[in-house]
Protein backbone atom coordinates (compact mmCIF):
# COMPACT_ATOMS: atom_id res chain seq x y z
CA MET A 1 -23.65 -6.13 58.40
CA ARG A 2 -19.89 -6.66 58.49
CA LYS A 3 -17.97 -6.06 61.73
CA VAL A 4 -14.99 -3.87 60.80
CA ILE A 5 -11.99 -2.33 62.51
CA ILE A 6 -10.33 0.51 60.58
CA ASP A 7 -6.59 0.98 61.08
CA THR A 8 -5.43 4.29 59.66
CA ASP A 9 -2.97 7.19 59.46
CA PRO A 10 -5.18 10.00 58.09
CA GLY A 11 -4.17 11.44 55.37
CA GLN A 12 -6.73 13.03 53.03
CA ASP A 13 -7.42 9.80 51.16
CA ASP A 14 -7.77 7.92 54.47
CA ALA A 15 -10.29 10.58 55.48
CA VAL A 16 -12.53 9.89 52.47
CA ALA A 17 -12.40 6.17 53.23
CA ILE A 18 -13.32 6.70 56.90
CA LEU A 19 -16.19 9.05 56.07
CA ALA A 20 -17.57 6.62 53.48
CA ALA A 21 -17.42 3.77 56.00
CA LEU A 22 -19.11 5.80 58.75
CA ALA A 23 -21.84 6.77 56.26
CA SER A 24 -22.62 3.10 55.54
CA PRO A 25 -24.30 1.62 58.63
CA GLU A 26 -26.14 -0.94 56.52
CA ASP A 27 -22.77 -2.35 55.44
CA PHE A 28 -20.50 -1.84 58.46
CA ASP A 29 -20.58 -2.16 62.20
CA VAL A 30 -17.38 -0.19 62.84
CA LEU A 31 -16.05 -1.52 66.13
CA GLY A 32 -13.28 1.04 66.38
CA ILE A 33 -10.76 3.19 64.55
CA CYS A 34 -7.09 2.58 65.37
CA SER A 35 -4.62 5.36 64.60
CA VAL A 36 -1.01 4.67 63.66
CA ALA A 37 1.97 6.84 62.78
CA GLY A 38 2.50 7.08 59.04
CA ASN A 39 1.50 9.96 56.81
CA VAL A 40 2.07 12.21 59.84
CA PRO A 41 3.07 11.46 63.45
CA LEU A 42 0.69 9.70 65.82
CA HIS A 43 -0.62 12.77 67.64
CA HIS A 44 -1.87 14.12 64.33
CA THR A 45 -3.32 10.83 63.04
CA THR A 46 -5.19 10.35 66.31
CA ARG A 47 -6.62 13.87 66.31
CA ASN A 48 -7.46 13.53 62.61
CA SER A 49 -9.39 10.33 63.32
CA LEU A 50 -11.34 12.07 66.09
CA GLN A 51 -12.12 15.01 63.80
CA LEU A 52 -13.48 12.70 61.10
CA VAL A 53 -15.68 10.88 63.62
CA GLU A 54 -16.96 14.29 64.73
CA LEU A 55 -17.62 15.41 61.15
CA ALA A 56 -19.56 12.20 60.46
CA GLY A 57 -21.69 12.63 63.59
CA SER A 58 -20.51 9.21 64.76
CA ARG A 59 -19.64 7.81 68.17
CA VAL A 60 -17.20 5.17 66.98
CA PRO A 61 -14.31 4.98 69.46
CA VAL A 62 -10.78 5.95 68.43
CA TYR A 63 -7.76 4.11 69.84
CA ALA A 64 -4.27 5.61 69.57
CA GLY A 65 -1.70 3.05 68.46
CA CYS A 66 1.97 2.77 67.64
CA SER A 67 4.04 5.93 67.31
CA ARG A 68 6.80 4.30 65.27
CA PRO A 69 7.42 1.18 63.17
CA MET A 70 8.53 -2.15 64.62
CA VAL A 71 12.21 -1.80 63.67
CA LYS A 72 12.83 1.26 61.52
CA GLU A 73 12.73 4.95 62.31
CA LEU A 74 9.46 6.61 61.31
CA VAL A 75 9.17 8.10 57.82
CA THR A 76 6.32 10.59 57.29
CA ALA A 77 4.80 12.35 54.28
CA GLU A 78 3.95 15.94 55.18
CA TYR A 79 5.25 16.90 51.74
CA VAL A 80 2.12 15.19 50.35
CA HIS A 81 -0.51 15.69 53.08
CA GLY A 82 0.58 18.94 54.72
CA PRO A 83 1.71 19.45 58.33
CA THR A 84 -1.50 18.10 59.89
CA GLY A 85 -2.19 15.32 57.37
CA LEU A 86 -5.63 16.76 56.57
CA ASP A 87 -4.71 20.13 55.09
CA GLY A 88 -7.34 21.52 52.73
CA ALA A 89 -10.34 21.01 55.01
CA ASP A 90 -11.85 23.04 57.84
CA LEU A 91 -12.68 20.19 60.18
CA PRO A 92 -14.52 20.48 63.51
CA ASP A 93 -12.65 20.25 66.77
CA PRO A 94 -13.29 16.87 68.38
CA HIS A 95 -15.41 16.81 71.51
CA ARG A 96 -14.08 13.44 72.57
CA GLU A 97 -10.70 12.05 73.55
CA PRO A 98 -9.16 8.82 72.31
CA GLU A 99 -9.93 5.78 74.41
CA ALA A 100 -7.54 4.95 77.25
CA THR A 101 -6.82 1.53 75.72
CA HIS A 102 -3.88 1.31 73.32
CA ALA A 103 -4.86 0.26 69.80
CA VAL A 104 -2.76 -2.91 69.96
CA ASP A 105 -4.47 -3.90 73.23
CA PHE A 106 -7.86 -3.13 71.64
CA LEU A 107 -7.05 -5.38 68.68
CA VAL A 108 -5.83 -8.22 70.90
CA GLU A 109 -8.79 -7.98 73.30
CA THR A 110 -11.49 -7.49 70.64
CA LEU A 111 -10.26 -10.18 68.29
CA GLY A 112 -9.47 -12.49 71.19
CA ALA A 113 -13.13 -12.35 72.26
CA ALA A 114 -14.59 -12.54 68.74
CA GLU A 115 -16.06 -15.57 66.99
CA PRO A 116 -13.86 -17.25 64.36
CA ARG A 117 -13.64 -15.37 61.03
CA SER A 118 -16.07 -12.68 62.25
CA VAL A 119 -14.14 -9.38 61.99
CA THR A 120 -12.70 -7.63 58.93
CA LEU A 121 -9.65 -5.39 59.27
CA CYS A 122 -9.60 -2.46 56.87
CA THR A 123 -6.03 -1.11 56.88
CA LEU A 124 -5.29 2.26 55.32
CA GLY A 125 -1.75 2.91 56.57
CA PRO A 126 1.39 1.15 57.79
CA LEU A 127 0.59 -2.23 59.32
CA THR A 128 2.38 -1.62 62.64
CA ASN A 129 -0.63 -1.97 64.94
CA VAL A 130 -1.86 -5.15 63.27
CA GLY A 131 1.61 -6.65 63.07
CA MET A 132 2.28 -5.95 66.75
CA ALA A 133 -1.06 -7.46 67.75
CA LEU A 134 -0.28 -10.62 65.78
CA VAL A 135 3.17 -10.90 67.39
CA ARG A 136 1.66 -10.57 70.86
CA ALA A 137 -1.26 -12.92 70.25
CA PRO A 138 -0.92 -14.96 67.04
CA GLU A 139 -4.15 -16.80 67.84
CA ILE A 140 -6.23 -13.70 67.06
CA ALA A 141 -5.66 -14.43 63.36
CA ASP A 142 -8.44 -17.02 63.66
CA SER A 143 -10.99 -14.28 64.41
CA VAL A 144 -10.19 -12.25 61.29
CA GLU A 145 -12.41 -12.93 58.31
CA SER A 146 -10.09 -10.95 56.05
CA ILE A 147 -7.75 -7.99 55.83
CA VAL A 148 -8.47 -5.49 53.07
CA ALA A 149 -5.32 -3.40 52.81
CA MET A 150 -4.17 -0.47 50.74
CA GLY A 151 -0.49 -0.94 50.06
CA GLY A 152 2.21 -2.11 47.74
CA GLY A 153 2.64 -2.04 44.02
CA PHE A 154 4.14 -4.15 41.28
CA PHE A 155 3.75 -3.10 37.66
CA GLU A 156 3.43 0.52 38.88
CA GLY A 157 6.63 0.31 40.96
CA GLY A 158 6.79 2.40 44.13
CA ASN A 159 5.76 5.91 45.10
CA VAL A 160 8.32 6.57 47.84
CA THR A 161 11.27 4.61 46.38
CA PRO A 162 11.57 3.05 42.92
CA ALA A 163 10.50 -0.26 44.50
CA ALA A 164 8.28 0.57 47.46
CA GLU A 165 4.85 2.03 48.14
CA PHE A 166 4.65 4.26 51.22
CA ASN A 167 2.46 2.17 53.58
CA ILE A 168 4.61 -0.93 53.19
CA TYR A 169 7.90 0.99 53.16
CA VAL A 170 7.16 2.67 56.50
CA ASP A 171 6.97 -0.71 58.28
CA PRO A 172 7.96 -3.67 56.09
CA HIS A 173 8.57 -5.84 59.15
CA ALA A 174 4.96 -5.45 60.28
CA ALA A 175 3.80 -6.10 56.72
CA HIS A 176 5.84 -9.33 56.70
CA VAL A 177 4.09 -10.48 59.88
CA VAL A 178 0.69 -9.76 58.35
CA PHE A 179 1.38 -11.43 55.00
CA THR A 180 2.72 -14.57 56.69
CA SER A 181 -0.13 -14.80 59.23
CA GLY A 182 -2.42 -17.00 57.14
CA ILE A 183 -5.22 -14.40 57.27
CA PRO A 184 -7.01 -13.97 53.90
CA ILE A 185 -5.80 -10.67 52.41
CA THR A 186 -7.18 -8.49 49.66
CA LEU A 187 -4.53 -6.02 48.53
CA MET A 188 -5.25 -2.68 46.85
CA PRO A 189 -1.86 -1.74 45.40
CA LEU A 190 -0.82 1.24 43.29
CA ASP A 191 -1.69 -0.89 40.26
CA VAL A 192 -5.38 -0.33 41.01
CA THR A 193 -5.33 3.00 42.88
CA HIS A 194 -3.51 4.73 40.02
CA LYS A 195 -6.59 3.98 37.90
CA ALA A 196 -8.90 5.83 40.34
CA LEU A 197 -7.98 9.47 39.62
CA ALA A 198 -9.67 12.29 41.52
CA SER A 199 -9.94 14.66 38.56
CA GLU A 200 -11.70 18.03 38.90
CA ARG A 201 -14.66 16.47 37.07
CA ARG A 202 -14.93 13.91 39.86
CA VAL A 203 -14.17 16.27 42.77
CA ALA A 204 -16.65 19.02 41.80
CA PRO A 205 -19.78 16.99 42.68
CA PHE A 206 -18.58 16.66 46.29
CA ARG A 207 -18.34 20.45 46.54
CA GLU A 208 -21.77 20.79 44.93
CA LEU A 209 -23.34 18.79 47.77
CA GLY A 210 -23.19 21.98 49.81
CA THR A 211 -22.56 20.12 53.06
CA ALA A 212 -19.72 20.25 55.57
CA ALA A 213 -18.66 16.73 54.58
CA GLY A 214 -18.84 17.48 50.87
CA ASP A 215 -16.85 20.71 51.27
CA SER A 216 -14.25 18.92 53.40
CA VAL A 217 -13.80 16.09 50.90
CA ALA A 218 -13.53 18.52 47.97
CA GLY A 219 -11.04 20.68 49.87
CA MET A 220 -8.89 17.75 50.94
CA LEU A 221 -8.82 16.20 47.48
CA THR A 222 -7.96 19.54 45.87
CA PHE A 223 -5.03 19.94 48.30
CA PHE A 224 -3.98 16.31 47.85
CA ASP A 225 -4.11 16.61 44.04
CA ARG A 226 -1.42 19.23 43.80
CA HIS A 227 1.43 16.83 44.65
CA ASP A 228 0.44 13.79 42.64
CA MET A 229 -0.68 15.72 39.57
CA GLU A 230 2.77 17.29 39.40
CA LYS A 231 4.48 13.97 40.15
CA TYR A 232 2.57 11.79 37.70
CA GLY A 233 1.45 14.36 35.15
CA ALA A 234 -2.07 12.94 35.38
CA ASP A 235 -5.46 14.65 35.41
CA GLY A 236 -6.02 14.13 39.11
CA ALA A 237 -4.40 12.32 42.01
CA PRO A 238 -4.81 8.59 42.68
CA LEU A 239 -7.39 8.10 45.43
CA HIS A 240 -5.72 5.24 47.24
CA ASP A 241 -7.34 4.30 50.54
CA PRO A 242 -11.06 4.54 49.70
CA THR A 243 -10.61 1.57 47.37
CA THR A 244 -10.63 -0.64 50.47
CA VAL A 245 -14.01 0.57 51.71
CA ALA A 246 -15.48 0.59 48.20
CA TYR A 247 -14.37 -3.02 47.72
CA LEU A 248 -16.09 -4.08 50.94
CA ILE A 249 -19.31 -2.36 49.82
CA ASP A 250 -19.23 -3.47 46.17
CA PRO A 251 -16.50 -5.96 45.24
CA ASP A 252 -17.78 -6.09 41.67
CA LEU A 253 -16.13 -2.70 41.09
CA PHE A 254 -12.74 -4.45 41.19
CA ALA A 255 -10.91 -7.35 39.60
CA GLY A 256 -7.56 -9.02 40.12
CA ARG A 257 -6.01 -12.40 40.80
CA ARG A 258 -4.68 -14.47 43.67
CA CYS A 259 -0.90 -14.23 44.02
CA HIS A 260 1.91 -14.91 46.43
CA VAL A 261 3.15 -11.66 47.97
CA GLU A 262 6.50 -11.43 49.73
CA ILE A 263 7.70 -8.35 51.59
CA VAL A 264 11.31 -7.23 51.05
CA ARG A 265 12.64 -6.05 54.42
CA ASP A 266 16.12 -4.74 53.66
CA GLY A 267 18.43 -3.57 50.92
CA PRO A 268 17.68 -1.16 48.08
CA ALA A 269 14.26 -2.76 47.49
CA GLU A 270 13.21 -2.43 51.14
CA GLY A 271 9.43 -2.22 51.39
CA MET A 272 8.78 -3.78 47.99
CA THR A 273 5.79 -6.08 47.65
CA MET A 274 7.26 -8.81 45.47
CA ILE A 275 4.09 -10.04 43.78
CA ASP A 276 4.29 -13.34 41.93
CA TRP A 277 1.70 -12.26 39.36
CA TRP A 278 2.49 -15.06 36.90
CA MET A 279 2.89 -17.71 39.67
CA VAL A 280 6.40 -18.65 38.58
CA THR A 281 7.69 -19.48 42.09
CA GLY A 282 5.23 -22.24 42.92
CA ASN A 283 4.49 -20.53 46.26
CA GLU A 284 0.90 -20.72 47.46
CA PRO A 285 -1.09 -17.50 46.96
CA ASN A 286 -1.52 -15.48 50.14
CA ALA A 287 -3.40 -12.47 48.78
CA MET A 288 -6.00 -11.39 46.25
CA VAL A 289 -4.21 -8.59 44.39
CA MET A 290 -6.44 -6.09 42.58
CA ASN A 291 -5.39 -4.32 39.40
CA VAL A 292 -8.70 -3.29 37.75
CA VAL A 293 -11.30 -0.76 38.97
CA ASP A 294 -14.47 0.66 37.47
CA SER A 295 -13.32 4.20 38.28
CA ASP A 296 -16.58 5.94 37.40
CA GLY A 297 -18.54 3.46 39.49
CA PHE A 298 -16.03 3.91 42.33
CA PHE A 299 -16.49 7.69 42.45
CA THR A 300 -20.27 7.38 42.09
CA LEU A 301 -20.33 5.11 45.13
CA LEU A 302 -18.15 7.48 47.19
CA LEU A 303 -20.29 10.48 46.25
CA GLU A 304 -23.48 8.67 47.24
CA ARG A 305 -22.04 7.73 50.64
CA ILE A 306 -20.56 11.17 51.41
CA SER A 307 -23.90 12.75 50.43
CA ARG A 308 -25.48 11.02 53.45
CA LEU A 309 -23.40 12.96 55.98
């Protein structure tokens, strides 16, 4: 069983990833969920995390983290996710409060006490909390087995600017810290998530489960679809963040290659993940970059996990 910390800014697609992880106790010992400002401000992402823990019947602790990026002003995405970030679902009120410990302190303390290469970080939003923890205590990198991150894009371009994907764009300075930390990284960019489309054919089975979790997932994905289907003209919205959890459960669903990834931190390409796909720079690879997914297998796995709740 893999020890995991989830860092997140829920977000409907984050929500599906969190629920799938909490439904997989044979795969994950979730040490904590860290909220960060991103899709919506921190007070919403923290409450959303607590609501998802409640829906899953879990007692995983939630730690509120950074309310803004390292350097930039916060950019949010209510135009995609709605005012709360989880519009489309009727979620239960949480019966618990976030922990008193700040998420950055939790990361520093937990990783500082962990055995070498024993904890996996699953990051679903901007990398502010992780970047800040690494700035404060660079030695904690030794405790991280890997980071599996949703973010970036290359052949698909960006989804918030022509060059930049949202998670990296919100805090490129934190992303730079993470990608230069020496921690093994698996990156789920738009190049793979845009091949995992939540079409009505794939959403309907969640609704047919007839459970609170199934109804919530179907409602959130239906709400989430409306923006991306109009934007991309596709039959369904890309389901970004659950690719991270699915990879940790069944890596054979994905394929890619090791590349050097550099984060652009200023100028018109701010937030771009400059991926040396063809290894023309001679720089050492610092990430496994995925660009292939068995999309039917991916949705089958998610449905099976959500059906447990």
